[in-house]
N, C-alpha and C. Protein backbone atom coordinates (compact mmCIF):
# COMPACT_ATOMS: atom_id res chain seq x y z
N UNK A 1 0.85 -1.20 0.00
CA UNK A 1 0.00 0.00 0.00
C UNK A 1 0.88 1.24 0.00
N UNK A 2 0.52 2.22 -0.83
CA UNK A 2 1.23 3.49 -0.90
C UNK A 2 0.29 4.60 -0.46
N UNK A 3 0.78 5.48 0.43
CA UNK A 3 -0.04 6.55 0.97
C UNK A 3 0.64 7.90 0.74
N UNK A 4 -0.17 8.93 0.60
CA UNK A 4 0.32 10.30 0.55
C UNK A 4 -0.72 11.18 1.22
N UNK A 5 -0.32 11.79 2.34
CA UNK A 5 -1.27 12.54 3.16
C UNK A 5 -2.45 11.62 3.48
N UNK A 6 -3.67 11.99 3.10
CA UNK A 6 -4.82 11.15 3.42
C UNK A 6 -5.24 10.23 2.28
N UNK A 7 -4.51 10.26 1.18
CA UNK A 7 -4.82 9.40 0.04
C UNK A 7 -4.06 8.08 0.16
N UNK A 8 -4.62 7.03 -0.44
CA UNK A 8 -3.90 5.76 -0.48
C UNK A 8 -4.41 4.91 -1.64
N UNK A 9 -3.51 4.05 -2.14
CA UNK A 9 -3.87 3.06 -3.15
C UNK A 9 -3.23 1.74 -2.72
N UNK A 10 -4.03 0.68 -2.70
CA UNK A 10 -3.55 -0.62 -2.21
C UNK A 10 -3.94 -1.72 -3.19
N UNK A 11 -2.98 -2.59 -3.49
CA UNK A 11 -3.25 -3.77 -4.31
C UNK A 11 -3.87 -4.84 -3.42
N UNK A 12 -5.05 -5.32 -3.79
CA UNK A 12 -5.72 -6.36 -3.02
C UNK A 12 -5.46 -7.75 -3.59
N UNK A 13 -5.45 -7.88 -4.91
CA UNK A 13 -5.26 -9.19 -5.51
C UNK A 13 -4.94 -9.03 -6.99
N UNK A 14 -4.29 -10.05 -7.55
CA UNK A 14 -3.99 -10.14 -8.98
C UNK A 14 -4.26 -11.58 -9.41
N UNK A 15 -4.88 -11.75 -10.56
CA UNK A 15 -5.20 -13.11 -11.00
C UNK A 15 -5.20 -13.19 -12.53
N UNK A 16 -4.90 -14.39 -13.02
CA UNK A 16 -5.11 -14.68 -14.43
C UNK A 16 -3.91 -14.51 -15.34
N UNK A 17 -2.71 -14.36 -14.79
CA UNK A 17 -1.56 -14.12 -15.66
C UNK A 17 -1.31 -15.31 -16.58
N UNK A 18 -1.20 -16.51 -16.00
CA UNK A 18 -0.90 -17.69 -16.84
C UNK A 18 -2.06 -18.04 -17.77
N UNK A 19 -3.33 -18.05 -17.31
CA UNK A 19 -4.42 -18.28 -18.27
C UNK A 19 -4.43 -17.28 -19.42
N UNK A 20 -4.11 -16.02 -19.12
CA UNK A 20 -4.06 -15.00 -20.19
C UNK A 20 -2.97 -15.33 -21.20
N UNK A 21 -1.83 -15.82 -20.72
CA UNK A 21 -0.74 -16.16 -21.63
C UNK A 21 -1.06 -17.40 -22.46
N UNK A 22 -1.82 -18.33 -21.89
CA UNK A 22 -2.27 -19.49 -22.67
C UNK A 22 -3.19 -19.03 -23.80
N UNK A 23 -4.15 -18.17 -23.46
CA UNK A 23 -5.06 -17.65 -24.47
C UNK A 23 -4.37 -16.80 -25.52
N UNK A 24 -3.28 -16.16 -25.13
CA UNK A 24 -2.51 -15.33 -26.06
C UNK A 24 -2.03 -16.15 -27.26
N UNK A 25 -1.84 -17.46 -27.06
CA UNK A 25 -1.30 -18.32 -28.11
C UNK A 25 -2.40 -18.94 -28.99
N UNK A 26 -3.65 -18.68 -28.69
CA UNK A 26 -4.73 -19.27 -29.47
C UNK A 26 -4.70 -18.91 -30.96
N UNK A 27 -4.45 -17.65 -31.35
CA UNK A 27 -4.53 -17.30 -32.77
C UNK A 27 -3.59 -18.12 -33.66
N UNK A 28 -2.43 -18.49 -33.13
CA UNK A 28 -1.45 -19.22 -33.94
C UNK A 28 -1.32 -20.69 -33.53
N UNK A 29 -2.23 -21.15 -32.63
CA UNK A 29 -2.20 -22.55 -32.16
C UNK A 29 -0.80 -22.95 -31.66
N UNK A 30 -0.17 -22.04 -30.92
CA UNK A 30 1.23 -22.29 -30.52
C UNK A 30 1.37 -22.62 -29.04
N UNK A 31 0.37 -23.33 -28.49
CA UNK A 31 0.40 -23.62 -27.05
C UNK A 31 1.62 -24.44 -26.65
N UNK A 32 2.13 -25.26 -27.58
CA UNK A 32 3.28 -26.13 -27.26
C UNK A 32 4.54 -25.30 -26.96
N UNK A 33 4.53 -24.02 -27.33
CA UNK A 33 5.69 -23.17 -27.06
C UNK A 33 5.57 -22.43 -25.72
N UNK A 34 4.42 -22.56 -25.09
CA UNK A 34 4.23 -21.87 -23.81
C UNK A 34 5.17 -22.41 -22.74
N UNK A 35 5.76 -21.51 -21.95
CA UNK A 35 6.74 -21.95 -20.96
C UNK A 35 6.61 -21.20 -19.63
N UNK A 36 5.39 -20.77 -19.30
CA UNK A 36 5.17 -20.08 -18.03
C UNK A 36 4.60 -21.06 -17.01
N UNK A 37 4.89 -20.79 -15.75
CA UNK A 37 4.47 -21.67 -14.65
C UNK A 37 3.68 -20.86 -13.65
N UNK A 38 2.52 -21.36 -13.27
CA UNK A 38 1.68 -20.70 -12.27
C UNK A 38 2.00 -21.26 -10.90
N UNK A 39 2.68 -20.46 -10.08
CA UNK A 39 2.95 -20.84 -8.69
C UNK A 39 2.28 -19.83 -7.77
N UNK A 40 1.20 -19.24 -8.25
CA UNK A 40 0.60 -18.10 -7.55
C UNK A 40 -0.12 -18.53 -6.28
N UNK A 41 -0.14 -17.62 -5.32
CA UNK A 41 -1.01 -17.74 -4.16
C UNK A 41 -1.61 -16.37 -3.91
N UNK A 42 -2.53 -16.29 -2.97
CA UNK A 42 -3.31 -15.06 -2.80
C UNK A 42 -2.49 -13.90 -2.27
N UNK A 43 -1.27 -14.16 -1.78
CA UNK A 43 -0.48 -13.09 -1.18
C UNK A 43 0.69 -12.66 -2.05
N UNK A 44 1.33 -13.59 -2.74
CA UNK A 44 2.60 -13.27 -3.38
C UNK A 44 2.55 -13.24 -4.91
N UNK A 45 1.46 -13.67 -5.51
CA UNK A 45 1.31 -13.64 -6.96
C UNK A 45 2.50 -14.27 -7.67
N UNK A 46 3.00 -15.39 -7.16
CA UNK A 46 4.22 -15.96 -7.73
C UNK A 46 3.90 -16.65 -9.05
N UNK A 47 4.33 -16.04 -10.12
CA UNK A 47 4.17 -16.58 -11.46
C UNK A 47 5.52 -16.45 -12.17
N UNK A 48 5.97 -17.52 -12.77
CA UNK A 48 7.22 -17.50 -13.53
C UNK A 48 6.89 -17.50 -15.02
N UNK A 49 7.15 -16.37 -15.68
CA UNK A 49 6.89 -16.26 -17.12
C UNK A 49 8.15 -16.68 -17.87
N UNK A 50 8.00 -17.66 -18.77
CA UNK A 50 9.13 -18.16 -19.53
C UNK A 50 9.57 -17.21 -20.63
N UNK A 51 10.72 -17.47 -21.18
CA UNK A 51 11.29 -16.60 -22.22
C UNK A 51 10.40 -16.57 -23.47
N UNK A 52 9.87 -17.71 -23.86
CA UNK A 52 9.03 -17.75 -25.06
C UNK A 52 7.78 -16.90 -24.89
N UNK A 53 7.12 -17.08 -23.77
CA UNK A 53 5.89 -16.32 -23.52
C UNK A 53 6.18 -14.83 -23.38
N UNK A 54 7.27 -14.50 -22.72
CA UNK A 54 7.60 -13.08 -22.55
C UNK A 54 7.90 -12.44 -23.91
N UNK A 55 8.62 -13.15 -24.74
CA UNK A 55 8.97 -12.59 -26.05
C UNK A 55 7.71 -12.32 -26.88
N UNK A 56 6.79 -13.29 -26.92
CA UNK A 56 5.57 -13.11 -27.69
C UNK A 56 4.68 -12.03 -27.08
N UNK A 57 4.56 -12.04 -25.75
CA UNK A 57 3.72 -11.04 -25.08
C UNK A 57 4.18 -9.63 -25.40
N UNK A 58 5.48 -9.40 -25.35
CA UNK A 58 5.99 -8.05 -25.60
C UNK A 58 5.89 -7.68 -27.08
N UNK A 59 6.02 -8.66 -27.96
CA UNK A 59 5.80 -8.38 -29.39
C UNK A 59 4.36 -7.92 -29.63
N UNK A 60 3.40 -8.57 -28.98
CA UNK A 60 2.00 -8.22 -29.14
C UNK A 60 1.69 -6.85 -28.55
N UNK A 61 2.29 -6.56 -27.39
CA UNK A 61 2.07 -5.25 -26.77
C UNK A 61 2.60 -4.13 -27.67
N UNK A 62 3.78 -4.34 -28.22
CA UNK A 62 4.37 -3.33 -29.11
C UNK A 62 3.59 -3.18 -30.41
N UNK A 63 2.87 -4.22 -30.79
CA UNK A 63 2.11 -4.17 -32.04
C UNK A 63 0.84 -3.34 -31.91
N UNK A 64 0.42 -3.04 -30.67
CA UNK A 64 -0.75 -2.18 -30.49
C UNK A 64 -1.86 -2.84 -29.69
N UNK A 65 -2.81 -2.02 -29.25
CA UNK A 65 -3.86 -2.49 -28.35
C UNK A 65 -4.68 -3.64 -28.93
N UNK A 66 -4.92 -3.61 -30.23
CA UNK A 66 -5.77 -4.64 -30.83
C UNK A 66 -5.09 -6.00 -30.86
N UNK A 67 -3.75 -6.02 -30.66
CA UNK A 67 -3.01 -7.28 -30.71
C UNK A 67 -2.73 -7.87 -29.33
N UNK A 68 -2.84 -7.08 -28.29
CA UNK A 68 -2.48 -7.57 -26.94
C UNK A 68 -3.72 -7.70 -26.06
N UNK A 69 -4.74 -8.33 -26.61
CA UNK A 69 -5.99 -8.51 -25.86
C UNK A 69 -5.79 -9.35 -24.61
N UNK A 70 -4.71 -10.14 -24.55
CA UNK A 70 -4.47 -10.97 -23.37
C UNK A 70 -4.32 -10.13 -22.10
N UNK A 71 -3.88 -8.87 -22.25
CA UNK A 71 -3.72 -8.01 -21.07
C UNK A 71 -5.06 -7.73 -20.40
N UNK A 72 -6.14 -7.79 -21.17
CA UNK A 72 -7.47 -7.55 -20.59
C UNK A 72 -7.89 -8.68 -19.66
N UNK A 73 -7.24 -9.83 -19.79
CA UNK A 73 -7.61 -10.99 -18.98
C UNK A 73 -6.80 -11.11 -17.69
N UNK A 74 -5.83 -10.23 -17.50
CA UNK A 74 -5.07 -10.21 -16.23
C UNK A 74 -5.80 -9.25 -15.30
N UNK A 75 -6.44 -9.78 -14.29
CA UNK A 75 -7.33 -9.02 -13.43
C UNK A 75 -6.61 -8.47 -12.19
N UNK A 76 -7.01 -7.27 -11.80
CA UNK A 76 -6.42 -6.60 -10.64
C UNK A 76 -7.55 -6.02 -9.79
N UNK A 77 -7.41 -6.17 -8.48
CA UNK A 77 -8.33 -5.54 -7.54
C UNK A 77 -7.55 -4.53 -6.70
N UNK A 78 -8.06 -3.32 -6.62
CA UNK A 78 -7.40 -2.23 -5.91
C UNK A 78 -8.37 -1.56 -4.94
N UNK A 79 -7.85 -1.15 -3.79
CA UNK A 79 -8.55 -0.22 -2.91
C UNK A 79 -7.96 1.17 -3.16
N UNK A 80 -8.80 2.12 -3.52
CA UNK A 80 -8.32 3.46 -3.89
C UNK A 80 -9.09 4.50 -3.10
N UNK A 81 -8.35 5.32 -2.36
CA UNK A 81 -8.95 6.41 -1.60
C UNK A 81 -8.35 7.72 -2.09
N UNK A 82 -9.09 8.41 -2.93
CA UNK A 82 -8.62 9.65 -3.56
C UNK A 82 -9.76 10.67 -3.58
N UNK A 83 -9.44 11.94 -3.86
CA UNK A 83 -10.49 12.97 -3.92
C UNK A 83 -11.49 12.72 -5.03
N UNK A 84 -12.64 13.33 -4.88
CA UNK A 84 -13.69 13.13 -5.88
C UNK A 84 -13.27 13.63 -7.26
N UNK A 85 -12.40 14.64 -7.33
CA UNK A 85 -12.01 15.14 -8.64
C UNK A 85 -11.12 14.14 -9.38
N UNK A 86 -10.42 13.27 -8.65
CA UNK A 86 -9.67 12.21 -9.31
C UNK A 86 -10.61 11.10 -9.77
N UNK A 87 -11.63 10.81 -8.98
CA UNK A 87 -12.59 9.80 -9.41
C UNK A 87 -13.32 10.24 -10.68
N UNK A 88 -13.57 11.53 -10.82
CA UNK A 88 -14.24 11.98 -12.03
C UNK A 88 -13.37 11.73 -13.26
N UNK A 89 -12.03 11.73 -13.09
CA UNK A 89 -11.13 11.42 -14.20
C UNK A 89 -11.00 9.91 -14.39
N UNK A 90 -10.93 9.17 -13.28
CA UNK A 90 -10.85 7.71 -13.39
C UNK A 90 -12.10 7.13 -14.02
N UNK A 91 -13.23 7.79 -13.82
CA UNK A 91 -14.49 7.28 -14.37
C UNK A 91 -14.55 7.34 -15.89
N UNK A 92 -13.57 8.02 -16.50
CA UNK A 92 -13.53 8.03 -17.97
C UNK A 92 -12.98 6.72 -18.54
N UNK A 93 -12.39 5.89 -17.66
CA UNK A 93 -11.82 4.63 -18.12
C UNK A 93 -12.81 3.49 -17.91
N UNK A 94 -12.53 2.36 -18.55
CA UNK A 94 -13.43 1.21 -18.51
C UNK A 94 -12.95 0.20 -17.46
N UNK A 95 -13.78 0.00 -16.46
CA UNK A 95 -13.47 -0.99 -15.42
C UNK A 95 -14.57 -2.04 -15.39
N UNK A 96 -14.22 -3.21 -14.85
CA UNK A 96 -15.24 -4.25 -14.73
C UNK A 96 -16.32 -3.81 -13.73
N UNK A 97 -15.87 -3.32 -12.58
CA UNK A 97 -16.84 -2.82 -11.60
C UNK A 97 -16.11 -2.04 -10.53
N UNK A 98 -16.86 -1.20 -9.81
CA UNK A 98 -16.34 -0.46 -8.66
C UNK A 98 -17.40 -0.48 -7.57
N UNK A 99 -16.98 -0.73 -6.33
CA UNK A 99 -17.87 -0.61 -5.18
C UNK A 99 -17.39 0.58 -4.36
N UNK A 100 -18.29 1.53 -4.13
CA UNK A 100 -17.92 2.79 -3.49
C UNK A 100 -18.46 2.87 -2.07
N UNK A 101 -17.68 3.54 -1.20
CA UNK A 101 -18.23 3.93 0.09
C UNK A 101 -19.30 4.99 -0.14
N UNK A 102 -20.37 4.93 0.62
CA UNK A 102 -21.49 5.85 0.45
C UNK A 102 -21.14 7.23 1.01
N UNK A 103 -21.23 8.25 0.16
CA UNK A 103 -21.01 9.62 0.62
C UNK A 103 -22.02 9.99 1.69
N UNK A 104 -23.26 9.59 1.49
CA UNK A 104 -24.31 9.93 2.45
C UNK A 104 -24.00 9.36 3.83
N UNK A 105 -23.64 8.08 3.88
CA UNK A 105 -23.41 7.44 5.17
C UNK A 105 -22.13 7.94 5.83
N UNK A 106 -21.13 8.28 5.02
CA UNK A 106 -19.90 8.79 5.61
C UNK A 106 -20.06 10.22 6.11
N UNK A 107 -20.78 11.03 5.36
CA UNK A 107 -20.93 12.43 5.72
C UNK A 107 -21.77 12.64 6.97
N UNK A 108 -22.90 11.96 7.02
CA UNK A 108 -23.91 12.30 8.02
C UNK A 108 -24.18 11.18 9.01
N UNK A 109 -23.20 10.32 9.25
CA UNK A 109 -23.43 9.26 10.22
C UNK A 109 -23.18 9.77 11.64
N UNK A 110 -23.63 9.02 12.61
CA UNK A 110 -23.54 9.46 14.01
C UNK A 110 -22.26 9.01 14.70
N UNK A 111 -21.32 8.41 13.96
CA UNK A 111 -20.10 7.88 14.57
C UNK A 111 -18.86 8.71 14.27
N UNK A 112 -18.93 9.56 13.26
CA UNK A 112 -17.73 10.28 12.85
C UNK A 112 -18.06 11.72 12.51
N UNK A 113 -17.50 12.62 13.28
CA UNK A 113 -17.64 14.04 12.97
C UNK A 113 -16.68 14.39 11.82
N UNK A 114 -17.12 15.21 10.91
CA UNK A 114 -16.32 15.56 9.73
C UNK A 114 -15.10 16.37 10.14
N UNK A 115 -13.92 15.99 9.63
CA UNK A 115 -12.69 16.72 9.95
C UNK A 115 -11.74 16.68 8.76
N UNK A 116 -10.52 17.18 8.97
CA UNK A 116 -9.56 17.30 7.87
C UNK A 116 -9.17 15.94 7.27
N UNK A 117 -9.26 14.87 8.06
CA UNK A 117 -8.87 13.56 7.55
C UNK A 117 -9.79 13.08 6.44
N UNK A 118 -10.93 13.72 6.29
CA UNK A 118 -11.88 13.35 5.24
C UNK A 118 -11.58 14.02 3.90
N UNK A 119 -10.51 14.85 3.88
CA UNK A 119 -10.22 15.63 2.67
C UNK A 119 -8.74 15.54 2.33
N UNK A 120 -8.44 15.79 1.07
CA UNK A 120 -7.05 15.95 0.65
C UNK A 120 -6.79 17.45 0.52
N UNK A 121 -6.03 18.00 1.47
CA UNK A 121 -5.71 19.43 1.50
C UNK A 121 -4.22 19.58 1.26
N UNK A 122 -3.87 20.09 0.10
CA UNK A 122 -2.46 20.19 -0.29
C UNK A 122 -1.83 21.50 0.19
N UNK A 123 -2.57 22.59 0.13
CA UNK A 123 -2.04 23.92 0.42
C UNK A 123 -2.66 24.44 1.71
N UNK A 124 -1.84 24.67 2.73
CA UNK A 124 -2.35 25.13 4.03
C UNK A 124 -3.04 26.49 3.95
N UNK A 125 -2.79 27.23 2.90
CA UNK A 125 -3.39 28.57 2.80
C UNK A 125 -4.91 28.52 2.68
N UNK A 126 -5.45 27.36 2.27
CA UNK A 126 -6.91 27.28 2.15
C UNK A 126 -7.57 26.73 3.42
N UNK A 127 -6.77 26.51 4.47
CA UNK A 127 -7.35 25.96 5.69
C UNK A 127 -8.43 26.85 6.31
N UNK A 128 -8.27 28.18 6.32
CA UNK A 128 -9.37 29.00 6.85
C UNK A 128 -10.69 28.78 6.11
N UNK A 129 -10.62 28.68 4.79
CA UNK A 129 -11.81 28.39 4.01
C UNK A 129 -12.36 27.02 4.35
N UNK A 130 -11.46 26.01 4.45
CA UNK A 130 -11.90 24.66 4.77
C UNK A 130 -12.50 24.59 6.16
N UNK A 131 -11.98 25.40 7.10
CA UNK A 131 -12.57 25.43 8.45
C UNK A 131 -14.04 25.82 8.38
N UNK A 132 -14.33 26.83 7.57
CA UNK A 132 -15.71 27.28 7.44
C UNK A 132 -16.60 26.20 6.82
N UNK A 133 -16.06 25.52 5.79
CA UNK A 133 -16.84 24.48 5.13
C UNK A 133 -17.08 23.30 6.07
N UNK A 134 -16.03 22.89 6.78
CA UNK A 134 -16.16 21.76 7.70
C UNK A 134 -17.13 22.10 8.83
N UNK A 135 -17.04 23.32 9.36
CA UNK A 135 -18.00 23.73 10.40
C UNK A 135 -19.42 23.71 9.88
N UNK A 136 -19.61 24.17 8.64
CA UNK A 136 -20.95 24.16 8.04
C UNK A 136 -21.46 22.74 7.84
N UNK A 137 -20.59 21.87 7.36
CA UNK A 137 -20.99 20.47 7.16
C UNK A 137 -21.35 19.80 8.48
N UNK A 138 -20.60 20.10 9.52
CA UNK A 138 -20.91 19.50 10.82
C UNK A 138 -22.21 20.05 11.39
N UNK A 139 -22.49 21.32 11.14
CA UNK A 139 -23.77 21.90 11.59
C UNK A 139 -24.94 21.23 10.86
N UNK A 140 -24.77 21.02 9.56
CA UNK A 140 -25.79 20.32 8.78
C UNK A 140 -25.94 18.88 9.28
N UNK A 141 -24.82 18.25 9.56
CA UNK A 141 -24.84 16.87 10.07
C UNK A 141 -25.65 16.78 11.37
N UNK A 142 -25.44 17.75 12.27
CA UNK A 142 -26.17 17.72 13.55
C UNK A 142 -27.67 17.86 13.32
N UNK A 143 -28.05 18.73 12.40
CA UNK A 143 -29.47 18.91 12.11
C UNK A 143 -30.07 17.66 11.47
N UNK A 144 -29.28 17.02 10.61
CA UNK A 144 -29.77 15.79 9.98
C UNK A 144 -29.96 14.69 11.03
N UNK A 145 -28.99 14.54 11.93
CA UNK A 145 -29.09 13.51 12.97
C UNK A 145 -30.26 13.78 13.91
N UNK A 146 -30.56 15.06 14.10
CA UNK A 146 -31.66 15.43 15.00
C UNK A 146 -33.02 15.22 14.34
N UNK A 147 -33.12 15.56 13.05
CA UNK A 147 -34.43 15.58 12.39
C UNK A 147 -34.64 14.44 11.39
N UNK A 148 -33.52 13.88 10.86
CA UNK A 148 -33.57 12.89 9.77
C UNK A 148 -34.25 13.46 8.52
N UNK A 149 -34.23 14.78 8.39
CA UNK A 149 -34.84 15.44 7.24
C UNK A 149 -33.88 15.35 6.06
N UNK A 150 -34.35 14.82 4.94
CA UNK A 150 -33.50 14.59 3.78
C UNK A 150 -32.95 15.88 3.19
N UNK A 151 -33.58 17.02 3.49
CA UNK A 151 -33.10 18.28 2.94
C UNK A 151 -31.68 18.59 3.41
N UNK A 152 -31.33 18.12 4.61
CA UNK A 152 -29.97 18.37 5.11
C UNK A 152 -28.94 17.53 4.37
N UNK A 153 -29.33 16.35 3.94
CA UNK A 153 -28.44 15.55 3.09
C UNK A 153 -28.18 16.27 1.78
N UNK A 154 -29.23 16.82 1.19
CA UNK A 154 -29.07 17.54 -0.07
C UNK A 154 -28.17 18.77 0.13
N UNK A 155 -28.34 19.46 1.22
CA UNK A 155 -27.51 20.62 1.51
C UNK A 155 -26.04 20.22 1.64
N UNK A 156 -25.78 19.12 2.35
CA UNK A 156 -24.40 18.67 2.56
C UNK A 156 -23.74 18.31 1.23
N UNK A 157 -24.47 17.60 0.39
CA UNK A 157 -23.92 17.21 -0.91
C UNK A 157 -23.65 18.43 -1.79
N UNK A 158 -24.47 19.46 -1.66
CA UNK A 158 -24.34 20.63 -2.53
C UNK A 158 -23.16 21.53 -2.16
N UNK A 159 -22.69 21.45 -0.92
CA UNK A 159 -21.54 22.28 -0.54
C UNK A 159 -20.27 21.46 -0.34
N UNK A 160 -20.36 20.14 -0.59
CA UNK A 160 -19.21 19.28 -0.35
C UNK A 160 -18.10 19.57 -1.37
N UNK A 161 -16.87 19.86 -0.92
CA UNK A 161 -15.76 20.16 -1.84
C UNK A 161 -15.32 18.92 -2.63
N UNK A 162 -14.72 19.17 -3.78
CA UNK A 162 -14.18 18.10 -4.61
C UNK A 162 -13.00 17.40 -3.94
N UNK A 163 -12.43 18.01 -2.91
CA UNK A 163 -11.30 17.39 -2.21
C UNK A 163 -11.74 16.30 -1.24
N UNK A 164 -13.04 16.08 -1.11
CA UNK A 164 -13.55 15.02 -0.24
C UNK A 164 -13.06 13.67 -0.73
N UNK A 165 -12.52 12.85 0.18
CA UNK A 165 -11.94 11.56 -0.18
C UNK A 165 -13.01 10.48 -0.20
N UNK A 166 -12.97 9.68 -1.26
CA UNK A 166 -13.89 8.55 -1.35
C UNK A 166 -13.10 7.28 -1.62
N UNK A 167 -13.43 6.23 -0.87
CA UNK A 167 -12.80 4.93 -1.04
C UNK A 167 -13.65 4.06 -1.97
N UNK A 168 -13.00 3.49 -2.98
CA UNK A 168 -13.67 2.54 -3.85
C UNK A 168 -12.77 1.32 -4.03
N UNK A 169 -13.38 0.16 -4.08
CA UNK A 169 -12.68 -1.07 -4.46
C UNK A 169 -12.95 -1.29 -5.93
N UNK A 170 -11.89 -1.36 -6.71
CA UNK A 170 -12.00 -1.37 -8.16
C UNK A 170 -11.42 -2.66 -8.74
N UNK A 171 -12.14 -3.27 -9.64
CA UNK A 171 -11.66 -4.43 -10.39
C UNK A 171 -11.37 -3.97 -11.83
N UNK A 172 -10.11 -4.12 -12.24
CA UNK A 172 -9.71 -3.68 -13.58
C UNK A 172 -8.74 -4.70 -14.16
N UNK A 173 -7.98 -4.31 -15.16
CA UNK A 173 -7.09 -5.25 -15.84
C UNK A 173 -5.85 -4.52 -16.34
N UNK A 174 -4.86 -5.31 -16.76
CA UNK A 174 -3.58 -4.74 -17.17
C UNK A 174 -3.72 -3.83 -18.39
N UNK A 175 -4.62 -4.16 -19.30
CA UNK A 175 -4.77 -3.34 -20.50
C UNK A 175 -5.24 -1.94 -20.13
N UNK A 176 -6.22 -1.84 -19.25
CA UNK A 176 -6.74 -0.53 -18.88
C UNK A 176 -5.73 0.23 -18.01
N UNK A 177 -4.99 -0.48 -17.18
CA UNK A 177 -3.96 0.18 -16.38
C UNK A 177 -2.85 0.72 -17.28
N UNK A 178 -2.51 0.00 -18.33
CA UNK A 178 -1.52 0.49 -19.29
C UNK A 178 -2.02 1.78 -19.95
N UNK A 179 -3.29 1.82 -20.27
CA UNK A 179 -3.89 3.00 -20.87
C UNK A 179 -3.84 4.18 -19.91
N UNK A 180 -4.13 3.94 -18.64
CA UNK A 180 -4.09 5.00 -17.63
C UNK A 180 -2.67 5.54 -17.48
N UNK A 181 -1.69 4.63 -17.36
CA UNK A 181 -0.30 5.07 -17.20
C UNK A 181 0.13 5.91 -18.40
N UNK A 182 -0.21 5.46 -19.59
CA UNK A 182 0.17 6.18 -20.81
C UNK A 182 -0.37 7.60 -20.80
N UNK A 183 -1.61 7.78 -20.35
CA UNK A 183 -2.26 9.09 -20.44
C UNK A 183 -2.04 9.97 -19.22
N UNK A 184 -1.66 9.40 -18.09
CA UNK A 184 -1.61 10.18 -16.84
C UNK A 184 -0.22 10.31 -16.23
N UNK A 185 0.80 9.71 -16.85
CA UNK A 185 2.12 9.71 -16.22
C UNK A 185 2.75 11.10 -16.14
N UNK A 186 2.34 12.02 -16.98
CA UNK A 186 2.86 13.39 -16.92
C UNK A 186 1.73 14.39 -16.70
N UNK A 187 0.73 13.98 -15.96
CA UNK A 187 -0.45 14.80 -15.75
C UNK A 187 -0.15 15.98 -14.82
N UNK A 188 -0.91 17.05 -14.98
CA UNK A 188 -0.73 18.24 -14.12
C UNK A 188 -1.05 17.94 -12.66
N UNK A 189 -1.97 17.04 -12.40
CA UNK A 189 -2.26 16.63 -11.02
C UNK A 189 -1.25 15.55 -10.63
N UNK A 190 0.00 15.96 -10.56
CA UNK A 190 1.10 15.00 -10.47
C UNK A 190 1.11 14.20 -9.18
N UNK A 191 0.83 14.84 -8.04
CA UNK A 191 0.91 14.12 -6.77
C UNK A 191 -0.15 13.04 -6.67
N UNK A 192 -1.35 13.34 -7.12
CA UNK A 192 -2.43 12.38 -7.06
C UNK A 192 -2.18 11.20 -7.99
N UNK A 193 -1.79 11.48 -9.23
CA UNK A 193 -1.57 10.40 -10.20
C UNK A 193 -0.26 9.65 -9.94
N UNK A 194 0.72 10.32 -9.36
CA UNK A 194 1.96 9.63 -9.01
C UNK A 194 1.70 8.54 -7.99
N UNK A 195 0.82 8.82 -7.03
CA UNK A 195 0.44 7.82 -6.04
C UNK A 195 -0.13 6.58 -6.72
N UNK A 196 -1.03 6.80 -7.67
CA UNK A 196 -1.66 5.70 -8.39
C UNK A 196 -0.62 4.93 -9.22
N UNK A 197 0.20 5.65 -9.95
CA UNK A 197 1.15 5.01 -10.87
C UNK A 197 2.24 4.26 -10.10
N UNK A 198 2.68 4.80 -8.97
CA UNK A 198 3.66 4.09 -8.14
C UNK A 198 3.12 2.76 -7.65
N UNK A 199 1.84 2.73 -7.32
CA UNK A 199 1.23 1.47 -6.88
C UNK A 199 1.15 0.48 -8.03
N UNK A 200 0.76 0.94 -9.21
CA UNK A 200 0.69 0.07 -10.38
C UNK A 200 2.06 -0.53 -10.69
N UNK A 201 3.10 0.24 -10.43
CA UNK A 201 4.47 -0.22 -10.67
C UNK A 201 4.81 -1.45 -9.85
N UNK A 202 4.09 -1.67 -8.74
CA UNK A 202 4.37 -2.79 -7.84
C UNK A 202 3.68 -4.09 -8.27
N UNK A 203 2.83 -4.02 -9.28
CA UNK A 203 2.16 -5.22 -9.76
C UNK A 203 3.17 -6.19 -10.40
N UNK A 204 2.90 -7.49 -10.35
CA UNK A 204 3.83 -8.44 -10.97
C UNK A 204 3.96 -8.21 -12.48
N UNK A 205 5.20 -8.15 -12.94
CA UNK A 205 5.53 -7.94 -14.35
C UNK A 205 4.96 -6.61 -14.88
N UNK A 206 4.83 -5.63 -14.00
CA UNK A 206 4.35 -4.32 -14.44
C UNK A 206 5.31 -3.68 -15.43
N UNK A 207 6.62 -3.75 -15.16
CA UNK A 207 7.60 -3.14 -16.07
C UNK A 207 7.56 -3.80 -17.44
N UNK A 208 7.40 -5.11 -17.46
CA UNK A 208 7.45 -5.85 -18.73
C UNK A 208 6.16 -5.70 -19.54
N UNK A 209 5.03 -5.48 -18.87
CA UNK A 209 3.74 -5.43 -19.57
C UNK A 209 3.13 -4.02 -19.56
N UNK A 210 2.85 -3.49 -18.39
CA UNK A 210 2.11 -2.22 -18.30
C UNK A 210 2.99 -1.03 -18.72
N UNK A 211 4.24 -1.01 -18.32
CA UNK A 211 5.13 0.13 -18.55
C UNK A 211 6.05 -0.06 -19.74
N UNK A 212 5.87 -1.12 -20.50
CA UNK A 212 6.76 -1.39 -21.64
C UNK A 212 6.75 -0.23 -22.63
N UNK A 213 7.95 0.30 -22.91
CA UNK A 213 8.18 1.40 -23.87
C UNK A 213 7.64 2.75 -23.40
N UNK A 214 7.26 2.87 -22.13
CA UNK A 214 6.83 4.17 -21.61
C UNK A 214 8.00 4.87 -20.92
């Protein structure tokens, strides 16, 4: 898991490397040349990719997205806690599914008062403004807990800053992660995307597959 201030990205699981490499050989019926071994377990993702499979895999990746469909079959599960403005950018990509923490339940529950840990605040100069927003959100929260009137939920959502952190568990694949790295590695929101890309770098064979030629 990699963290920066209140943001974090964590790899939960990886699956399907060897099955994807077997399927990679279907177009040319070349399964007899496959030389990878699946020694994976739920914690260490131990997979040994042979020279033949690595050579073909990288040839297909270099040939373009339409040729390296096997990357779509390598599945990854991530826990990602980032600001809402990063989620709006991540939502432009294609994922199998995402399960999100509920903004409503996190904002207005009776167990947690809203504070700075709920936001990604990079520049301390905006803290006076954030103090006012947090105080307002907590006042709305108290009224909601007292009355259960849905209008206070609507009010809270309407003034909630984009820096509010949301946790989602995301299921994606190597092909889409390669696409994200390609498009976001030099992004203006460097700190936020660097956190994501550094985590992707820790995936098994990330350098050979996801980051190849980048």
